[in-house]
Amino acid sequence: MARHQGPVLIDTNAILECFRVGSWRALSNGYSVETVEDCVTETQTGFQRRRAELQIDAAQLVASLKAVHPVEDAQRAVVAVRAPDIALDVGERSLWAHALTRSDVWVLCGPDKASMRFGVRLGLKDRLIALEALLDDAGHRPKEALKLAYTTKWLEKVLGELFISEGLGRS
């Protein structure tokens, strides 16, 4: 697959994992990384319980992003109506709400299964990308291994399972 040239929408978990393995600079310098205000806020939740190397300075994070988008309740309502049975957390709901307003060629990086189910159900499976794939395409190898949920192999397996469970694999 060719390297993605458009915006990369990233959720809280992927941000935290990038910082954990020391790959944030490579990701944010290699792509137009964007997120939503709720995801930035979530990076600060539990801040006092994290080891020093996992603490993320919010101002530094915002400065390293191409954009941090506000999301209105009306945008979140669209997500709730499209899939009322999928329990997305606040950051994921806001990230999808923002994504659905875009007309450009974005991809979304986030390993949460509920978020992935939402993407599959809306026919956006091909917009979901593993953190590992982004870092590989940027020519970066983390010094510490990514957790399983951030790998391409795991993403492909889970997307296949979700595709079938959503009844999209039937003729």
C-alpha atoms as a PDB file:
ATOM      1  CA  MET A   1       0.000   0.000   0.000  1.00  0.00           C
ATOM      2  CA  ALA A   2       1.269   3.483  -0.824  1.00  0.00           C
ATOM      3  CA  ARG A   3       2.046   5.847   2.013  1.00  0.00           C
ATOM      4  CA  HIS A   4      -0.975   7.897   3.060  1.00  0.00           C
ATOM      5  CA  GLN A   5      -0.581  11.561   2.105  1.00  0.00           C
ATOM      6  CA  GLY A   6      -3.727  13.039   3.647  1.00  0.00           C
ATOM      7  CA  PRO A   7      -4.787  13.730   7.213  1.00  0.00           C
ATOM      8  CA  VAL A   8      -4.304  11.089   9.909  1.00  0.00           C
ATOM      9  CA  LEU A   9      -7.009  11.302  12.559  1.00  0.00           C
ATOM     10  CA  ILE A  10      -5.708   9.800  15.779  1.00  0.00           C
ATOM     11  CA  ASP A  11      -7.473   8.717  18.949  1.00  0.00           C
ATOM     12  CA  THR A  12      -6.293   8.965  22.547  1.00  0.00           C
ATOM     13  CA  ASN A  13      -5.048   5.384  22.789  1.00  0.00           C
ATOM     14  CA  ALA A  14      -2.840   5.724  19.718  1.00  0.00           C
ATOM     15  CA  ILE A  15      -1.423   9.004  21.025  1.00  0.00           C
ATOM     16  CA  LEU A  16      -0.573   7.367  24.353  1.00  0.00           C
ATOM     17  CA  GLU A  17       1.027   4.368  22.640  1.00  0.00           C
ATOM     18  CA  CYS A  18       3.122   6.627  20.416  1.00  0.00           C
ATOM     19  CA  PHE A  19       4.465   8.447  23.447  1.00  0.00           C
ATOM     20  CA  ARG A  20       5.017   5.154  25.301  1.00  0.00           C
ATOM     21  CA  VAL A  21       7.311   3.807  22.588  1.00  0.00           C
ATOM     22  CA  GLY A  22       8.973   7.147  21.834  1.00  0.00           C
ATOM     23  CA  SER A  23       7.512   7.492  18.344  1.00  0.00           C
ATOM     24  CA  TRP A  24       5.393  10.632  18.594  1.00  0.00           C
ATOM     25  CA  ARG A  25       7.921  12.897  16.871  1.00  0.00           C
ATOM     26  CA  ALA A  26       8.287  10.453  13.964  1.00  0.00           C
ATOM     27  CA  LEU A  27       4.510  10.238  13.531  1.00  0.00           C
ATOM     28  CA  SER A  28       3.746  13.930  13.895  1.00  0.00           C
ATOM     29  CA  ASN A  29       6.632  14.950  11.628  1.00  0.00           C
ATOM     30  CA  GLY A  30       5.796  12.294   9.047  1.00  0.00           C
ATOM     31  CA  TYR A  31       2.079  12.982   8.659  1.00  0.00           C
ATOM     32  CA  SER A  32      -0.578  15.649   9.002  1.00  0.00           C
ATOM     33  CA  VAL A  33      -1.780  14.314  12.361  1.00  0.00           C
ATOM     34  CA  GLU A  34      -5.058  15.711  13.649  1.00  0.00           C
ATOM     35  CA  THR A  35      -7.380  14.928  16.521  1.00  0.00           C
ATOM     36  CA  VAL A  36     -10.278  16.442  18.444  1.00  0.00           C
ATOM     37  CA  GLU A  37     -10.357  18.394  21.694  1.00  0.00           C
ATOM     38  CA  ASP A  38     -11.853  15.465  23.626  1.00  0.00           C
ATOM     39  CA  CYS A  39      -8.906  13.219  22.715  1.00  0.00           C
ATOM     40  CA  VAL A  40      -6.410  15.836  23.894  1.00  0.00           C
ATOM     41  CA  THR A  41      -8.354  16.088  27.161  1.00  0.00           C
ATOM     42  CA  GLU A  42      -8.311  12.299  27.534  1.00  0.00           C
ATOM     43  CA  THR A  43      -4.504  12.245  27.245  1.00  0.00           C
ATOM     44  CA  GLN A  44      -4.464  14.162  30.514  1.00  0.00           C
ATOM     45  CA  THR A  45      -6.815  11.794  32.362  1.00  0.00           C
ATOM     46  CA  GLY A  46      -4.873   9.763  34.890  1.00  0.00           C
ATOM     47  CA  PHE A  47      -1.855  12.014  34.316  1.00  0.00           C
ATOM     48  CA  GLN A  48      -0.775  11.789  37.960  1.00  0.00           C
ATOM     49  CA  ARG A  49      -0.726   7.959  37.882  1.00  0.00           C
ATOM     50  CA  ARG A  50       1.567   7.661  34.857  1.00  0.00           C
ATOM     51  CA  ARG A  51       5.289   7.166  34.961  1.00  0.00           C
ATOM     52  CA  ALA A  52       7.212  10.330  34.123  1.00  0.00           C
ATOM     53  CA  GLU A  53       8.115   9.125  30.617  1.00  0.00           C
ATOM     54  CA  LEU A  54       4.427   8.555  29.835  1.00  0.00           C
ATOM     55  CA  GLN A  55       3.227  11.968  30.917  1.00  0.00           C
ATOM     56  CA  ILE A  56       2.200  14.115  27.986  1.00  0.00           C
ATOM     57  CA  ASP A  57       2.369  17.872  28.136  1.00  0.00           C
ATOM     58  CA  ALA A  58      -0.924  19.049  26.623  1.00  0.00           C
ATOM     59  CA  ALA A  59       0.503  22.282  25.202  1.00  0.00           C
ATOM     60  CA  GLN A  60       3.384  20.406  23.582  1.00  0.00           C
ATOM     61  CA  LEU A  61       0.965  17.819  22.168  1.00  0.00           C
ATOM     62  CA  VAL A  62      -1.301  20.484  20.669  1.00  0.00           C
ATOM     63  CA  ALA A  63       1.686  22.309  19.180  1.00  0.00           C
ATOM     64  CA  SER A  64       2.847  19.102  17.457  1.00  0.00           C
ATOM     65  CA  LEU A  65      -0.538  18.411  15.827  1.00  0.00           C
ATOM     66  CA  LYS A  66      -1.605  19.873  12.501  1.00  0.00           C
ATOM     67  CA  ALA A  67      -5.049  20.560  14.002  1.00  0.00           C
ATOM     68  CA  VAL A  68      -7.176  19.984  17.087  1.00  0.00           C
ATOM     69  CA  HIS A  69     -10.830  20.165  16.130  1.00  0.00           C
ATOM     70  CA  PRO A  70     -13.724  21.226  18.354  1.00  0.00           C
ATOM     71  CA  VAL A  71     -16.807  19.042  18.029  1.00  0.00           C
ATOM     72  CA  GLU A  72     -20.365  20.197  18.609  1.00  0.00           C
ATOM     73  CA  ASP A  73     -23.106  18.158  20.274  1.00  0.00           C
ATOM     74  CA  ALA A  74     -25.035  18.120  16.987  1.00  0.00           C
ATOM     75  CA  GLN A  75     -22.070  16.374  15.307  1.00  0.00           C
ATOM     76  CA  ARG A  76     -21.895  13.794  18.119  1.00  0.00           C
ATOM     77  CA  ALA A  77     -25.639  13.211  17.740  1.00  0.00           C
ATOM     78  CA  VAL A  78     -25.067  12.103  14.130  1.00  0.00           C
ATOM     79  CA  VAL A  79     -22.765   9.351  15.422  1.00  0.00           C
ATOM     80  CA  ALA A  80     -25.305   8.289  18.050  1.00  0.00           C
ATOM     81  CA  VAL A  81     -28.084   8.064  15.458  1.00  0.00           C
ATOM     82  CA  ARG A  82     -25.964   6.160  12.907  1.00  0.00           C
ATOM     83  CA  ALA A  83     -25.087   3.396  15.391  1.00  0.00           C
ATOM     84  CA  PRO A  84     -27.007   3.731  18.662  1.00  0.00           C
ATOM     85  CA  ASP A  85     -25.970   0.249  19.824  1.00  0.00           C
ATOM     86  CA  ILE A  86     -22.205   0.910  19.638  1.00  0.00           C
ATOM     87  CA  ALA A  87     -20.801   2.303  22.890  1.00  0.00           C
ATOM     88  CA  LEU A  88     -18.040   4.700  21.882  1.00  0.00           C
ATOM     89  CA  ASP A  89     -16.171   6.615  24.550  1.00  0.00           C
ATOM     90  CA  VAL A  90     -16.246  10.414  24.410  1.00  0.00           C
ATOM     91  CA  GLY A  91     -13.002  10.822  22.467  1.00  0.00           C
ATOM     92  CA  GLU A  92     -13.886   8.178  19.885  1.00  0.00           C
ATOM     93  CA  ARG A  93     -17.407   9.542  19.459  1.00  0.00           C
ATOM     94  CA  SER A  94     -16.014  13.026  18.897  1.00  0.00           C
ATOM     95  CA  LEU A  95     -13.296  11.785  16.534  1.00  0.00           C
ATOM     96  CA  TRP A  96     -15.859   9.939  14.400  1.00  0.00           C
ATOM     97  CA  ALA A  97     -18.241  12.912  14.570  1.00  0.00           C
ATOM     98  CA  HIS A  98     -15.484  15.083  13.155  1.00  0.00           C
ATOM     99  CA  ALA A  99     -14.416  12.481  10.573  1.00  0.00           C
ATOM    100  CA  LEU A 100     -17.954  12.243   9.186  1.00  0.00           C
ATOM    101  CA  THR A 101     -17.937  15.974   8.391  1.00  0.00           C
ATOM    102  CA  ARG A 102     -14.838  15.732   6.180  1.00  0.00           C
ATOM    103  CA  SER A 103     -14.725  15.350   2.425  1.00  0.00           C
ATOM    104  CA  ASP A 104     -10.967  14.776   2.073  1.00  0.00           C
ATOM    105  CA  VAL A 105      -9.081  11.460   2.113  1.00  0.00           C
ATOM    106  CA  TRP A 106      -8.408  10.876   5.817  1.00  0.00           C
ATOM    107  CA  VAL A 107      -7.480   7.723   7.704  1.00  0.00           C
ATOM    108  CA  LEU A 108      -8.243   6.999  11.346  1.00  0.00           C
ATOM    109  CA  CYS A 109      -5.794   5.377  13.747  1.00  0.00           C
ATOM    110  CA  GLY A 110      -7.261   3.910  16.916  1.00  0.00           C
ATOM    111  CA  PRO A 111      -7.417   0.327  18.187  1.00  0.00           C
ATOM    112  CA  ASP A 112     -10.693   0.409  20.108  1.00  0.00           C
ATOM    113  CA  LYS A 113     -12.995  -2.369  18.860  1.00  0.00           C
ATOM    114  CA  ALA A 114     -16.169  -0.302  19.294  1.00  0.00           C
ATOM    115  CA  SER A 115     -14.653   2.450  17.166  1.00  0.00           C
ATOM    116  CA  MET A 116     -13.549  -0.080  14.578  1.00  0.00           C
ATOM    117  CA  ARG A 117     -17.049  -1.630  14.547  1.00  0.00           C
ATOM    118  CA  PHE A 118     -18.488   1.822  13.872  1.00  0.00           C
ATOM    119  CA  GLY A 119     -16.118   2.296  10.940  1.00  0.00           C
ATOM    120  CA  VAL A 120     -16.918  -1.128   9.505  1.00  0.00           C
ATOM    121  CA  ARG A 121     -20.667  -0.605   9.854  1.00  0.00           C
ATOM    122  CA  LEU A 122     -20.489   2.718   8.033  1.00  0.00           C
ATOM    123  CA  GLY A 123     -18.464   1.206   5.191  1.00  0.00           C
ATOM    124  CA  LEU A 124     -15.266   2.976   6.218  1.00  0.00           C
ATOM    125  CA  LYS A 125     -13.173  -0.128   6.952  1.00  0.00           C
ATOM    126  CA  ASP A 126     -10.549   0.943   4.417  1.00  0.00           C
ATOM    127  CA  ARG A 127     -10.062   4.231   6.301  1.00  0.00           C
ATOM    128  CA  LEU A 128      -8.816   2.428   9.434  1.00  0.00           C
ATOM    129  CA  ILE A 129      -5.053   2.082   9.780  1.00  0.00           C
ATOM    130  CA  ALA A 130      -2.696   0.538  12.304  1.00  0.00           C
ATOM    131  CA  LEU A 131      -0.138   2.671  14.096  1.00  0.00           C
ATOM    132  CA  GLU A 132       2.486   0.136  13.025  1.00  0.00           C
ATOM    133  CA  ALA A 133       1.690   0.759   9.343  1.00  0.00           C
ATOM    134  CA  LEU A 134       1.962   4.527   9.756  1.00  0.00           C
ATOM    135  CA  LEU A 135       5.316   4.267  11.526  1.00  0.00           C
ATOM    136  CA  ASP A 136       6.635   1.720   9.010  1.00  0.00           C
ATOM    137  CA  ASP A 137       5.636   3.933   6.089  1.00  0.00           C
ATOM    138  CA  ALA A 138       7.344   6.891   7.791  1.00  0.00           C
ATOM    139  CA  GLY A 139      10.518   4.794   8.019  1.00  0.00           C
ATOM    140  CA  HIS A 140      10.449   4.651  11.821  1.00  0.00           C
ATOM    141  CA  ARG A 141      11.040   1.595  13.975  1.00  0.00           C
ATOM    142  CA  PRO A 142      10.175   2.111  17.649  1.00  0.00           C
ATOM    143  CA  LYS A 143      12.870   1.058  20.107  1.00  0.00           C
ATOM    144  CA  GLU A 144      10.203  -0.676  22.160  1.00  0.00           C
ATOM    145  CA  ALA A 145       7.663  -3.011  20.548  1.00  0.00           C
ATOM    146  CA  LEU A 146       4.140  -1.736  20.014  1.00  0.00           C
ATOM    147  CA  LYS A 147       1.392  -3.451  21.973  1.00  0.00           C
ATOM    148  CA  LEU A 148      -0.501  -6.025  19.883  1.00  0.00           C
ATOM    149  CA  ALA A 149      -3.553  -3.806  19.296  1.00  0.00           C
ATOM    150  CA  TYR A 150      -1.412  -1.314  17.368  1.00  0.00           C
ATOM    151  CA  THR A 151      -0.092  -3.819  14.828  1.00  0.00           C
ATOM    152  CA  THR A 152      -1.219  -4.307  11.253  1.00  0.00           C
ATOM    153  CA  LYS A 153      -1.773  -8.036  11.726  1.00  0.00           C
ATOM    154  CA  TRP A 154      -4.095  -7.462  14.696  1.00  0.00           C
ATOM    155  CA  LEU A 155      -6.022  -4.731  12.863  1.00  0.00           C
ATOM    156  CA  GLU A 156      -6.586  -6.929   9.813  1.00  0.00           C
ATOM    157  CA  LYS A 157      -7.756  -9.851  11.975  1.00  0.00           C
ATOM    158  CA  VAL A 158     -10.194  -7.743  13.988  1.00  0.00           C
ATOM    159  CA  LEU A 159     -11.533  -5.913  10.934  1.00  0.00           C
ATOM    160  CA  GLY A 160     -12.228  -9.268   9.271  1.00  0.00           C
ATOM    161  CA  GLU A 161     -14.065 -10.499  12.359  1.00  0.00           C
ATOM    162  CA  LEU A 162     -16.087  -7.290  12.603  1.00  0.00           C
ATOM    163  CA  PHE A 163     -16.922  -7.382   8.912  1.00  0.00           C
ATOM    164  CA  ILE A 164     -18.379 -10.876   9.338  1.00  0.00           C
ATOM    165  CA  SER A 165     -20.140 -10.121  12.639  1.00  0.00           C
ATOM    166  CA  GLU A 166     -21.788  -7.077  11.097  1.00  0.00           C
ATOM    167  CA  GLY A 167     -23.207  -9.342   8.381  1.00  0.00           C
ATOM    168  CA  LEU A 168     -21.303  -7.554   5.650  1.00  0.00           C
ATOM    169  CA  GLY A 169     -19.574 -10.673   4.354  1.00  0.00           C
ATOM    170  CA  ARG A 170     -22.792 -12.314   3.164  1.00  0.00           C
ATOM    171  CA  SER A 171     -23.859 -12.261  -0.469  1.00  0.00           C
END
